[in-house]
Amino acid sequence: FGMTGWTIPPNSQGYLTLACCRIAEMLGVDRSMTDASWHTQIE
């Protein structure tokens, strides 16, 4: 999202936050509260 996200590497599950954000970014997550945006984030 134009920044750099940082977290703790394993044994923390923190990578999931950054990886989910990256997939959402790749798929073009909607800026608004829509079912398309939520579906992308959930999946």
PDB file of all heavy atoms in Angstrom:
ATOM      1  N   PHE A   1       0.826  -1.215   0.000  1.00  0.00           N
ATOM      2  CA  PHE A   1       0.000   0.000   0.000  1.00  0.00           C
ATOM      3  C   PHE A   1       0.857   1.260   0.000  1.00  0.00           C
ATOM      4  O   PHE A   1       0.515   2.263   0.638  1.00  0.00           O
ATOM      5  CB  PHE A   1      -0.946   0.009   1.205  1.00  0.00           C
ATOM      6  CG  PHE A   1      -1.786  -1.234   1.364  1.00  0.00           C
ATOM      7  CD1 PHE A   1      -1.978  -1.797   2.619  1.00  0.00           C
ATOM      8  CD2 PHE A   1      -2.393  -1.833   0.268  1.00  0.00           C
ATOM      9  CE1 PHE A   1      -2.759  -2.944   2.779  1.00  0.00           C
ATOM     10  CE2 PHE A   1      -3.184  -2.979   0.414  1.00  0.00           C
ATOM     11  CZ  PHE A   1      -3.356  -3.525   1.676  1.00  0.00           C
ATOM     12  N   GLY A   2       1.985   1.240  -0.683  1.00  0.00           N
ATOM     13  CA  GLY A   2       2.864   2.398  -0.741  1.00  0.00           C
ATOM     14  C   GLY A   2       3.738   2.577   0.474  1.00  0.00           C
ATOM     15  O   GLY A   2       4.441   3.584   0.594  1.00  0.00           O
ATOM     16  N   MET A   3       3.709   1.611   1.399  1.00  0.00           N
ATOM     17  CA  MET A   3       4.526   1.660   2.607  1.00  0.00           C
ATOM     18  C   MET A   3       5.257   0.325   2.743  1.00  0.00           C
ATOM     19  O   MET A   3       5.245  -0.494   1.835  1.00  0.00           O
ATOM     20  CB  MET A   3       3.652   1.923   3.837  1.00  0.00           C
ATOM     21  CG  MET A   3       2.874   3.212   3.755  1.00  0.00           C
ATOM     22  SD  MET A   3       1.838   3.461   5.200  1.00  0.00           S
ATOM     23  CE  MET A   3       0.993   4.976   4.710  1.00  0.00           C
ATOM     24  N   THR A   4       5.876   0.121   3.894  1.00  0.00           N
ATOM     25  CA  THR A   4       6.452  -1.185   4.202  1.00  0.00           C
ATOM     26  C   THR A   4       5.890  -1.657   5.530  1.00  0.00           C
ATOM     27  O   THR A   4       5.966  -0.941   6.534  1.00  0.00           O
ATOM     28  CB  THR A   4       7.988  -1.135   4.291  1.00  0.00           C
ATOM     29  OG1 THR A   4       8.519  -0.660   3.051  1.00  0.00           O
ATOM     30  CG2 THR A   4       8.552  -2.515   4.579  1.00  0.00           C
ATOM     31  N   GLY A   5       5.277  -2.833   5.509  1.00  0.00           N
ATOM     32  CA  GLY A   5       4.779  -3.436   6.740  1.00  0.00           C
ATOM     33  C   GLY A   5       5.840  -4.333   7.337  1.00  0.00           C
ATOM     34  O   GLY A   5       6.547  -5.042   6.622  1.00  0.00           O
ATOM     35  N   TRP A   6       5.956  -4.311   8.680  1.00  0.00           N
ATOM     36  CA  TRP A   6       6.961  -5.111   9.384  1.00  0.00           C
ATOM     37  C   TRP A   6       6.296  -5.941  10.471  1.00  0.00           C
ATOM     38  O   TRP A   6       5.327  -5.519  11.100  1.00  0.00           O
ATOM     39  CB  TRP A   6       8.009  -4.205  10.048  1.00  0.00           C
ATOM     40  CG  TRP A   6       8.748  -3.316   9.108  1.00  0.00           C
ATOM     41  CD1 TRP A   6       8.437  -2.027   8.771  1.00  0.00           C
ATOM     42  CD2 TRP A   6       9.936  -3.644   8.369  1.00  0.00           C
ATOM     43  NE1 TRP A   6       9.353  -1.529   7.878  1.00  0.00           N
ATOM     44  CE2 TRP A   6      10.276  -2.496   7.605  1.00  0.00           C
ATOM     45  CE3 TRP A   6      10.732  -4.787   8.278  1.00  0.00           C
ATOM     46  CZ2 TRP A   6      11.395  -2.460   6.766  1.00  0.00           C
ATOM     47  CZ3 TRP A   6      11.839  -4.752   7.451  1.00  0.00           C
ATOM     48  CH2 TRP A   6      12.158  -3.607   6.707  1.00  0.00           C
ATOM     49  N   THR A   7       6.836  -7.124  10.710  1.00  0.00           N
ATOM     50  CA  THR A   7       6.341  -7.966  11.791  1.00  0.00           C
ATOM     51  C   THR A   7       7.468  -8.866  12.288  1.00  0.00           C
ATOM     52  O   THR A   7       8.614  -8.772  11.841  1.00  0.00           O
ATOM     53  CB  THR A   7       5.122  -8.786  11.325  1.00  0.00           C
ATOM     54  OG1 THR A   7       4.501  -9.410  12.460  1.00  0.00           O
ATOM     55  CG2 THR A   7       5.533  -9.872  10.332  1.00  0.00           C
ATOM     56  N   ILE A   8       7.129  -9.737  13.235  1.00  0.00           N
ATOM     57  CA  ILE A   8       8.081 -10.705  13.792  1.00  0.00           C
ATOM     58  C   ILE A   8       8.051 -11.969  12.935  1.00  0.00           C
ATOM     59  O   ILE A   8       6.975 -12.470  12.609  1.00  0.00           O
ATOM     60  CB  ILE A   8       7.700 -11.068  15.244  1.00  0.00           C
ATOM     61  CG1 ILE A   8       7.570  -9.807  16.111  1.00  0.00           C
ATOM     62  CG2 ILE A   8       8.706 -12.046  15.839  1.00  0.00           C
ATOM     63  CD1 ILE A   8       8.851  -9.115  16.431  1.00  0.00           C
ATOM     64  N   PRO A   9       9.208 -12.522  12.569  1.00  0.00           N
ATOM     65  CA  PRO A   9       9.213 -13.770  11.800  1.00  0.00           C
ATOM     66  C   PRO A   9       8.824 -14.957  12.678  1.00  0.00           C
ATOM     67  O   PRO A   9       8.741 -14.836  13.905  1.00  0.00           O
ATOM     68  CB  PRO A   9      10.663 -13.880  11.332  1.00  0.00           C
ATOM     69  CG  PRO A   9      11.450 -13.174  12.388  1.00  0.00           C
ATOM     70  CD  PRO A   9      10.569 -12.036  12.847  1.00  0.00           C
ATOM     71  N   PRO A  10       8.557 -16.132  12.067  1.00  0.00           N
ATOM     72  CA  PRO A  10       8.255 -17.316  12.883  1.00  0.00           C
ATOM     73  C   PRO A  10       9.350 -17.561  13.917  1.00  0.00           C
ATOM     74  O   PRO A  10      10.513 -17.298  13.652  1.00  0.00           O
ATOM     75  CB  PRO A  10       8.220 -18.437  11.841  1.00  0.00           C
ATOM     76  CG  PRO A  10       7.803 -17.740  10.587  1.00  0.00           C
ATOM     77  CD  PRO A  10       8.470 -16.406  10.647  1.00  0.00           C
ATOM     78  N   ASN A  11       8.900 -17.950  15.109  1.00  0.00           N
ATOM     79  CA  ASN A  11       7.717 -18.714  15.462  1.00  0.00           C
ATOM     80  C   ASN A  11       6.414 -17.932  15.587  1.00  0.00           C
ATOM     81  O   ASN A  11       5.395 -18.486  16.023  1.00  0.00           O
ATOM     82  CB  ASN A  11       7.955 -19.473  16.771  1.00  0.00           C
ATOM     83  CG  ASN A  11       8.350 -18.555  17.924  1.00  0.00           C
ATOM     84  OD1 ASN A  11       9.222 -17.695  17.835  1.00  0.00           O
ATOM     85  ND2 ASN A  11       7.713 -18.765  19.059  1.00  0.00           N
ATOM     86  N   SER A  12       6.387 -16.648  15.243  1.00  0.00           N
ATOM     87  CA  SER A  12       5.154 -15.865  15.217  1.00  0.00           C
ATOM     88  C   SER A  12       4.400 -16.123  13.911  1.00  0.00           C
ATOM     89  O   SER A  12       5.015 -16.360  12.861  1.00  0.00           O
ATOM     90  CB  SER A  12       5.477 -14.374  15.323  1.00  0.00           C
ATOM     91  OG  SER A  12       4.390 -13.576  14.908  1.00  0.00           O
ATOM     92  N   GLN A  13       3.063 -16.030  13.967  1.00  0.00           N
ATOM     93  CA  GLN A  13       2.249 -16.118  12.762  1.00  0.00           C
ATOM     94  C   GLN A  13       2.088 -14.749  12.093  1.00  0.00           C
ATOM     95  O   GLN A  13       1.260 -14.577  11.200  1.00  0.00           O
ATOM     96  CB  GLN A  13       0.862 -16.669  13.092  1.00  0.00           C
ATOM     97  CG  GLN A  13       0.015 -15.743  13.966  1.00  0.00           C
ATOM     98  CD  GLN A  13      -1.469 -16.055  13.976  1.00  0.00           C
ATOM     99  OE1 GLN A  13      -1.937 -16.916  13.244  1.00  0.00           O
ATOM    100  NE2 GLN A  13      -2.214 -15.371  14.822  1.00  0.00           N
ATOM    101  N   GLY A  14       2.910 -13.767  12.501  1.00  0.00           N
ATOM    102  CA  GLY A  14       2.744 -12.402  12.023  1.00  0.00           C
ATOM    103  C   GLY A  14       2.783 -12.248  10.516  1.00  0.00           C
ATOM    104  O   GLY A  14       2.170 -11.325   9.967  1.00  0.00           O
ATOM    105  N   TYR A  15       3.499 -13.145   9.816  1.00  0.00           N
ATOM    106  CA  TYR A  15       3.584 -13.026   8.363  1.00  0.00           C
ATOM    107  C   TYR A  15       2.215 -13.055   7.705  1.00  0.00           C
ATOM    108  O   TYR A  15       2.029 -12.503   6.611  1.00  0.00           O
ATOM    109  CB  TYR A  15       4.452 -14.155   7.791  1.00  0.00           C
ATOM    110  CG  TYR A  15       3.722 -15.459   7.568  1.00  0.00           C
ATOM    111  CD1 TYR A  15       3.205 -15.776   6.313  1.00  0.00           C
ATOM    112  CD2 TYR A  15       3.548 -16.377   8.589  1.00  0.00           C
ATOM    113  CE1 TYR A  15       2.526 -16.966   6.097  1.00  0.00           C
ATOM    114  CE2 TYR A  15       2.870 -17.554   8.385  1.00  0.00           C
ATOM    115  CZ  TYR A  15       2.363 -17.849   7.135  1.00  0.00           C
ATOM    116  OH  TYR A  15       1.686 -19.032   6.922  1.00  0.00           O
ATOM    117  N   LEU A  16       1.222 -13.692   8.366  1.00  0.00           N
ATOM    118  CA  LEU A  16      -0.102 -13.796   7.767  1.00  0.00           C
ATOM    119  C   LEU A  16      -0.708 -12.430   7.493  1.00  0.00           C
ATOM    120  O   LEU A  16      -1.371 -12.224   6.479  1.00  0.00           O
ATOM    121  CB  LEU A  16      -1.040 -14.596   8.678  1.00  0.00           C
ATOM    122  CG  LEU A  16      -0.853 -16.109   8.713  1.00  0.00           C
ATOM    123  CD1 LEU A  16      -1.775 -16.730   9.756  1.00  0.00           C
ATOM    124  CD2 LEU A  16      -1.109 -16.726   7.345  1.00  0.00           C
ATOM    125  N   THR A  17      -0.522 -11.476   8.399  1.00  0.00           N
ATOM    126  CA  THR A  17      -1.071 -10.134   8.188  1.00  0.00           C
ATOM    127  C   THR A  17      -0.509  -9.522   6.918  1.00  0.00           C
ATOM    128  O   THR A  17      -1.251  -9.022   6.060  1.00  0.00           O
ATOM    129  CB  THR A  17      -0.747  -9.229   9.385  1.00  0.00           C
ATOM    130  OG1 THR A  17      -1.282  -9.801  10.575  1.00  0.00           O
ATOM    131  CG2 THR A  17      -1.334  -7.843   9.181  1.00  0.00           C
ATOM    132  N   LEU A  18       0.816  -9.544   6.774  1.00  0.00           N
ATOM    133  CA  LEU A  18       1.451  -8.920   5.619  1.00  0.00           C
ATOM    134  C   LEU A  18       1.124  -9.677   4.342  1.00  0.00           C
ATOM    135  O   LEU A  18       0.867  -9.062   3.289  1.00  0.00           O
ATOM    136  CB  LEU A  18       2.962  -8.848   5.822  1.00  0.00           C
ATOM    137  CG  LEU A  18       3.457  -8.171   7.112  1.00  0.00           C
ATOM    138  CD1 LEU A  18       4.978  -8.017   7.077  1.00  0.00           C
ATOM    139  CD2 LEU A  18       2.789  -6.818   7.320  1.00  0.00           C
ATOM    140  N   ALA A  19       1.097 -11.001   4.405  1.00  0.00           N
ATOM    141  CA  ALA A  19       0.786 -11.798   3.217  1.00  0.00           C
ATOM    142  C   ALA A  19      -0.653 -11.580   2.766  1.00  0.00           C
ATOM    143  O   ALA A  19      -0.938 -11.475   1.568  1.00  0.00           O
ATOM    144  CB  ALA A  19       1.044 -13.280   3.500  1.00  0.00           C
ATOM    145  N   CYS A  20      -1.579 -11.499   3.733  1.00  0.00           N
ATOM    146  CA  CYS A  20      -2.979 -11.230   3.383  1.00  0.00           C
ATOM    147  C   CYS A  20      -3.116  -9.858   2.730  1.00  0.00           C
ATOM    148  O   CYS A  20      -3.853  -9.701   1.747  1.00  0.00           O
ATOM    149  CB  CYS A  20      -3.853 -11.291   4.629  1.00  0.00           C
ATOM    150  SG  CYS A  20      -4.134 -12.955   5.273  1.00  0.00           S
ATOM    151  N   CYS A  21      -2.437  -8.875   3.285  1.00  0.00           N
ATOM    152  CA  CYS A  21      -2.481  -7.536   2.696  1.00  0.00           C
ATOM    153  C   CYS A  21      -1.935  -7.545   1.271  1.00  0.00           C
ATOM    154  O   CYS A  21      -2.482  -6.887   0.379  1.00  0.00           O
ATOM    155  CB  CYS A  21      -1.679  -6.560   3.554  1.00  0.00           C
ATOM    156  SG  CYS A  21      -2.478  -6.063   5.102  1.00  0.00           S
ATOM    157  N   ARG A  22      -0.862  -8.306   1.050  1.00  0.00           N
ATOM    158  CA  ARG A  22      -0.271  -8.341  -0.292  1.00  0.00           C
ATOM    159  C   ARG A  22      -1.213  -9.006  -1.292  1.00  0.00           C
ATOM    160  O   ARG A  22      -1.369  -8.524  -2.423  1.00  0.00           O
ATOM    161  CB  ARG A  22       1.074  -9.074  -0.257  1.00  0.00           C
ATOM    162  CG  ARG A  22       1.779  -9.149  -1.605  1.00  0.00           C
ATOM    163  CD  ARG A  22       2.029  -7.783  -2.197  1.00  0.00           C
ATOM    164  NE  ARG A  22       2.695  -7.857  -3.494  1.00  0.00           N
ATOM    165  CZ  ARG A  22       2.440  -7.059  -4.516  1.00  0.00           C
ATOM    166  NH1 ARG A  22       1.521  -6.102  -4.401  1.00  0.00           N
ATOM    167  NH2 ARG A  22       3.095  -7.180  -5.649  1.00  0.00           N
ATOM    168  N   ILE A  23      -1.849 -10.105  -0.909  1.00  0.00           N
ATOM    169  CA  ILE A  23      -2.805 -10.751  -1.816  1.00  0.00           C
ATOM    170  C   ILE A  23      -3.977  -9.818  -2.098  1.00  0.00           C
ATOM    171  O   ILE A  23      -4.438  -9.687  -3.247  1.00  0.00           O
ATOM    172  CB  ILE A  23      -3.284 -12.094  -1.231  1.00  0.00           C
ATOM    173  CG1 ILE A  23      -2.144 -13.125  -1.319  1.00  0.00           C
ATOM    174  CG2 ILE A  23      -4.513 -12.611  -1.971  1.00  0.00           C
ATOM    175  CD1 ILE A  23      -2.494 -14.477  -0.740  1.00  0.00           C
ATOM    176  N   ALA A  24      -4.473  -9.146  -1.059  1.00  0.00           N
ATOM    177  CA  ALA A  24      -5.556  -8.186  -1.264  1.00  0.00           C
ATOM    178  C   ALA A  24      -5.125  -7.075  -2.210  1.00  0.00           C
ATOM    179  O   ALA A  24      -5.895  -6.639  -3.081  1.00  0.00           O
ATOM    180  CB  ALA A  24      -5.994  -7.605   0.075  1.00  0.00           C
ATOM    181  N   GLU A  25      -3.873  -6.629  -2.073  1.00  0.00           N
ATOM    182  CA  GLU A  25      -3.346  -5.596  -2.960  1.00  0.00           C
ATOM    183  C   GLU A  25      -3.262  -6.110  -4.391  1.00  0.00           C
ATOM    184  O   GLU A  25      -3.623  -5.405  -5.344  1.00  0.00           O
ATOM    185  CB  GLU A  25      -1.972  -5.154  -2.450  1.00  0.00           C
ATOM    186  CG  GLU A  25      -1.367  -3.977  -3.181  1.00  0.00           C
ATOM    187  CD  GLU A  25      -0.034  -3.564  -2.567  1.00  0.00           C
ATOM    188  OE1 GLU A  25       0.784  -4.458  -2.266  1.00  0.00           O
ATOM    189  OE2 GLU A  25       0.182  -2.355  -2.400  1.00  0.00           O
ATOM    190  N   MET A  26      -2.801  -7.347  -4.562  1.00  0.00           N
ATOM    191  CA  MET A  26      -2.701  -7.945  -5.899  1.00  0.00           C
ATOM    192  C   MET A  26      -4.071  -8.060  -6.574  1.00  0.00           C
ATOM    193  O   MET A  26      -4.204  -7.867  -7.791  1.00  0.00           O
ATOM    194  CB  MET A  26      -2.059  -9.329  -5.809  1.00  0.00           C
ATOM    195  CG  MET A  26      -0.584  -9.328  -5.502  1.00  0.00           C
ATOM    196  SD  MET A  26       0.027 -11.036  -5.268  1.00  0.00           S
ATOM    197  CE  MET A  26       1.789 -10.767  -5.247  1.00  0.00           C
ATOM    198  N   LEU A  27      -5.079  -8.381  -5.778  1.00  0.00           N
ATOM    199  CA  LEU A  27      -6.423  -8.582  -6.323  1.00  0.00           C
ATOM    200  C   LEU A  27      -7.208  -7.282  -6.434  1.00  0.00           C
ATOM    201  O   LEU A  27      -8.350  -7.281  -6.917  1.00  0.00           O
ATOM    202  CB  LEU A  27      -7.187  -9.587  -5.457  1.00  0.00           C
ATOM    203  CG  LEU A  27      -6.622 -11.009  -5.430  1.00  0.00           C
ATOM    204  CD1 LEU A  27      -7.404 -11.877  -4.465  1.00  0.00           C
ATOM    205  CD2 LEU A  27      -6.633 -11.625  -6.825  1.00  0.00           C
ATOM    206  N   GLY A  28      -6.626  -6.180  -5.963  1.00  0.00           N
ATOM    207  CA  GLY A  28      -7.282  -4.900  -6.081  1.00  0.00           C
ATOM    208  C   GLY A  28      -8.406  -4.704  -5.093  1.00  0.00           C
ATOM    209  O   GLY A  28      -9.553  -4.447  -5.483  1.00  0.00           O
ATOM    210  N   VAL A  29      -8.096  -4.827  -3.799  1.00  0.00           N
ATOM    211  CA  VAL A  29      -9.130  -4.691  -2.778  1.00  0.00           C
ATOM    212  C   VAL A  29      -9.820  -3.331  -2.900  1.00  0.00           C
ATOM    213  O   VAL A  29      -9.196  -2.305  -3.119  1.00  0.00           O
ATOM    214  CB  VAL A  29      -8.524  -4.879  -1.364  1.00  0.00           C
ATOM    215  CG1 VAL A  29      -7.557  -3.755  -1.024  1.00  0.00           C
ATOM    216  CG2 VAL A  29      -9.602  -4.995  -0.323  1.00  0.00           C
ATOM    217  N   ASP A  30     -11.145  -3.370  -2.772  1.00  0.00           N
ATOM    218  CA  ASP A  30     -11.965  -2.173  -2.925  1.00  0.00           C
ATOM    219  C   ASP A  30     -11.743  -1.218  -1.756  1.00  0.00           C
ATOM    220  O   ASP A  30     -11.593  -1.637  -0.620  1.00  0.00           O
ATOM    221  CB  ASP A  30     -13.445  -2.591  -2.981  1.00  0.00           C
ATOM    222  CG  ASP A  30     -14.327  -1.514  -3.596  1.00  0.00           C
ATOM    223  OD1 ASP A  30     -14.225  -0.362  -3.147  1.00  0.00           O
ATOM    224  OD2 ASP A  30     -15.106  -1.832  -4.505  1.00  0.00           O
ATOM    225  N   ARG A  31     -11.773   0.078  -2.033  1.00  0.00           N
ATOM    226  CA  ARG A  31     -11.590   1.076  -0.986  1.00  0.00           C
ATOM    227  C   ARG A  31     -12.810   1.202  -0.078  1.00  0.00           C
ATOM    228  O   ARG A  31     -12.730   1.729   1.026  1.00  0.00           O
ATOM    229  CB  ARG A  31     -11.310   2.452  -1.611  1.00  0.00           C
ATOM    230  CG  ARG A  31      -9.967   2.553  -2.309  1.00  0.00           C
ATOM    231  CD  ARG A  31      -9.867   3.869  -3.073  1.00  0.00           C
ATOM    232  NE  ARG A  31     -10.030   5.012  -2.183  1.00  0.00           N
ATOM    233  CZ  ARG A  31      -9.035   5.616  -1.550  1.00  0.00           C
ATOM    234  NH1 ARG A  31      -7.798   5.158  -1.685  1.00  0.00           N
ATOM    235  NH2 ARG A  31      -9.261   6.656  -0.786  1.00  0.00           N
ATOM    236  N   SER A  32     -13.958   0.746  -0.543  1.00  0.00           N
ATOM    237  CA  SER A  32     -15.194   0.942   0.207  1.00  0.00           C
ATOM    238  C   SER A  32     -15.632  -0.349   0.887  1.00  0.00           C
ATOM    239  O   SER A  32     -15.064  -1.413   0.667  1.00  0.00           O
ATOM    240  CB  SER A  32     -16.305   1.452  -0.725  1.00  0.00           C
ATOM    241  OG  SER A  32     -16.491   0.537  -1.799  1.00  0.00           O
ATOM    242  N   MET A  33     -16.664  -0.242   1.734  1.00  0.00           N
ATOM    243  CA  MET A  33     -17.212  -1.393   2.453  1.00  0.00           C
ATOM    244  C   MET A  33     -18.184  -2.123   1.524  1.00  0.00           C
ATOM    245  O   MET A  33     -19.376  -1.848   1.502  1.00  0.00           O
ATOM    246  CB  MET A  33     -17.931  -0.920   3.705  1.00  0.00           C
ATOM    247  CG  MET A  33     -17.018  -0.375   4.784  1.00  0.00           C
ATOM    248  SD  MET A  33     -16.406  -1.674   5.871  1.00  0.00           S
ATOM    249  CE  MET A  33     -17.913  -2.146   6.690  1.00  0.00           C
ATOM    250  N   THR A  34     -17.651  -3.055   0.727  1.00  0.00           N
ATOM    251  CA  THR A  34     -18.488  -3.807  -0.200  1.00  0.00           C
ATOM    252  C   THR A  34     -18.280  -5.299   0.011  1.00  0.00           C
ATOM    253  O   THR A  34     -17.273  -5.731   0.590  1.00  0.00           O
ATOM    254  CB  THR A  34     -18.146  -3.465  -1.662  1.00  0.00           C
ATOM    255  OG1 THR A  34     -16.785  -3.893  -1.925  1.00  0.00           O
ATOM    256  CG2 THR A  34     -18.265  -1.978  -1.921  1.00  0.00           C
ATOM    257  N   ASP A  35     -19.219  -6.097  -0.493  1.00  0.00           N
ATOM    258  CA  ASP A  35     -19.065  -7.545  -0.376  1.00  0.00           C
ATOM    259  C   ASP A  35     -17.869  -8.027  -1.193  1.00  0.00           C
ATOM    260  O   ASP A  35     -17.208  -8.999  -0.824  1.00  0.00           O
ATOM    261  CB  ASP A  35     -20.345  -8.273  -0.790  1.00  0.00           C
ATOM    262  CG  ASP A  35     -20.764  -7.978  -2.213  1.00  0.00           C
ATOM    263  OD1 ASP A  35     -21.329  -6.900  -2.447  1.00  0.00           O
ATOM    264  OD2 ASP A  35     -20.518  -8.832  -3.089  1.00  0.00           O
ATOM    265  N   ALA A  36     -17.554  -7.334  -2.295  1.00  0.00           N
ATOM    266  CA  ALA A  36     -16.391  -7.718  -3.095  1.00  0.00           C
ATOM    267  C   ALA A  36     -15.106  -7.541  -2.306  1.00  0.00           C
ATOM    268  O   ALA A  36     -14.208  -8.401  -2.319  1.00  0.00           O
ATOM    269  CB  ALA A  36     -16.343  -6.896  -4.381  1.00  0.00           C
ATOM    270  N   SER A  37     -15.004  -6.423  -1.587  1.00  0.00           N
ATOM    271  CA  SER A  37     -13.821  -6.156  -0.783  1.00  0.00           C
ATOM    272  C   SER A  37     -13.702  -7.170   0.354  1.00  0.00           C
ATOM    273  O   SER A  37     -12.613  -7.723   0.604  1.00  0.00           O
ATOM    274  CB  SER A  37     -13.882  -4.738  -0.223  1.00  0.00           C
ATOM    275  OG  SER A  37     -12.754  -4.460   0.593  1.00  0.00           O
ATOM    276  N   TRP A  38     -14.796  -7.405   1.057  1.00  0.00           N
ATOM    277  CA  TRP A  38     -14.756  -8.368   2.158  1.00  0.00           C
ATOM    278  C   TRP A  38     -14.460  -9.773   1.651  1.00  0.00           C
ATOM    279  O   TRP A  38     -13.720 -10.527   2.281  1.00  0.00           O
ATOM    280  CB  TRP A  38     -16.081  -8.329   2.937  1.00  0.00           C
ATOM    281  CG  TRP A  38     -16.161  -7.213   3.932  1.00  0.00           C
ATOM    282  CD1 TRP A  38     -15.589  -5.986   3.819  1.00  0.00           C
ATOM    283  CD2 TRP A  38     -16.845  -7.226   5.187  1.00  0.00           C
ATOM    284  NE1 TRP A  38     -15.883  -5.220   4.923  1.00  0.00           N
ATOM    285  CE2 TRP A  38     -16.650  -5.946   5.777  1.00  0.00           C
ATOM    286  CE3 TRP A  38     -17.618  -8.160   5.859  1.00  0.00           C
ATOM    287  CZ2 TRP A  38     -17.193  -5.597   7.016  1.00  0.00           C
ATOM    288  CZ3 TRP A  38     -18.160  -7.830   7.097  1.00  0.00           C
ATOM    289  CH2 TRP A  38     -17.949  -6.562   7.670  1.00  0.00           C
ATOM    290  N   HIS A  39     -15.035 -10.144   0.529  1.00  0.00           N
ATOM    291  CA  HIS A  39     -14.776 -11.468  -0.043  1.00  0.00           C
ATOM    292  C   HIS A  39     -13.284 -11.637  -0.336  1.00  0.00           C
ATOM    293  O   HIS A  39     -12.693 -12.681  -0.019  1.00  0.00           O
ATOM    294  CB  HIS A  39     -15.591 -11.641  -1.332  1.00  0.00           C
ATOM    295  CG  HIS A  39     -15.237 -12.856  -2.126  1.00  0.00           C
ATOM    296  ND1 HIS A  39     -15.675 -14.127  -1.805  1.00  0.00           N
ATOM    297  CD2 HIS A  39     -14.453 -13.013  -3.233  1.00  0.00           C
ATOM    298  CE1 HIS A  39     -15.197 -14.998  -2.677  1.00  0.00           C
ATOM    299  NE2 HIS A  39     -14.449 -14.353  -3.556  1.00  0.00           N
ATOM    300  N   THR A  40     -12.673 -10.612  -0.941  1.00  0.00           N
ATOM    301  CA  THR A  40     -11.240 -10.683  -1.245  1.00  0.00           C
ATOM    302  C   THR A  40     -10.421 -10.872   0.019  1.00  0.00           C
ATOM    303  O   THR A  40      -9.507 -11.710   0.068  1.00  0.00           O
ATOM    304  CB  THR A  40     -10.801  -9.399  -1.972  1.00  0.00           C
ATOM    305  OG1 THR A  40     -11.473  -9.309  -3.224  1.00  0.00           O
ATOM    306  CG2 THR A  40      -9.294  -9.401  -2.210  1.00  0.00           C
ATOM    307  N   GLN A  41     -10.728 -10.108   1.053  1.00  0.00           N
ATOM    308  CA  GLN A  41      -9.963 -10.207   2.300  1.00  0.00           C
ATOM    309  C   GLN A  41     -10.178 -11.562   2.971  1.00  0.00           C
ATOM    310  O   GLN A  41      -9.221 -12.186   3.462  1.00  0.00           O
ATOM    311  CB  GLN A  41     -10.383  -9.083   3.236  1.00  0.00           C
ATOM    312  CG  GLN A  41     -10.031  -7.688   2.735  1.00  0.00           C
ATOM    313  CD  GLN A  41     -10.615  -6.604   3.614  1.00  0.00           C
ATOM    314  OE1 GLN A  41     -10.347  -6.553   4.810  1.00  0.00           O
ATOM    315  NE2 GLN A  41     -11.426  -5.726   3.037  1.00  0.00           N
ATOM    316  N   ILE A  42     -11.416 -12.029   3.020  1.00  0.00           N
ATOM    317  CA  ILE A  42     -11.719 -13.312   3.664  1.00  0.00           C
ATOM    318  C   ILE A  42     -11.014 -14.454   2.946  1.00  0.00           C
ATOM    319  O   ILE A  42     -10.398 -15.324   3.578  1.00  0.00           O
ATOM    320  CB  ILE A  42     -13.241 -13.540   3.701  1.00  0.00           C
ATOM    321  CG1 ILE A  42     -13.903 -12.561   4.672  1.00  0.00           C
ATOM    322  CG2 ILE A  42     -13.573 -14.987   4.095  1.00  0.00           C
ATOM    323  CD1 ILE A  42     -15.408 -12.478   4.547  1.00  0.00           C
ATOM    324  N   GLU A  43     -11.083 -14.458   1.628  1.00  0.00           N
ATOM    325  CA  GLU A  43     -10.460 -15.544   0.869  1.00  0.00           C
ATOM    326  C   GLU A  43      -8.933 -15.482   0.933  1.00  0.00           C
ATOM    327  O   GLU A  43      -8.257 -16.511   0.950  1.00  0.00           O
ATOM    328  CB  GLU A  43     -10.942 -15.516  -0.585  1.00  0.00           C
ATOM    329  CG  GLU A  43     -12.396 -15.940  -0.746  1.00  0.00           C
ATOM    330  CD  GLU A  43     -12.634 -17.373  -0.264  1.00  0.00           C
ATOM    331  OE1 GLU A  43     -12.281 -18.313  -0.988  1.00  0.00           O
ATOM    332  OE2 GLU A  43     -13.163 -17.536   0.857  1.00  0.00           O
TER     333      GLU A  43
END
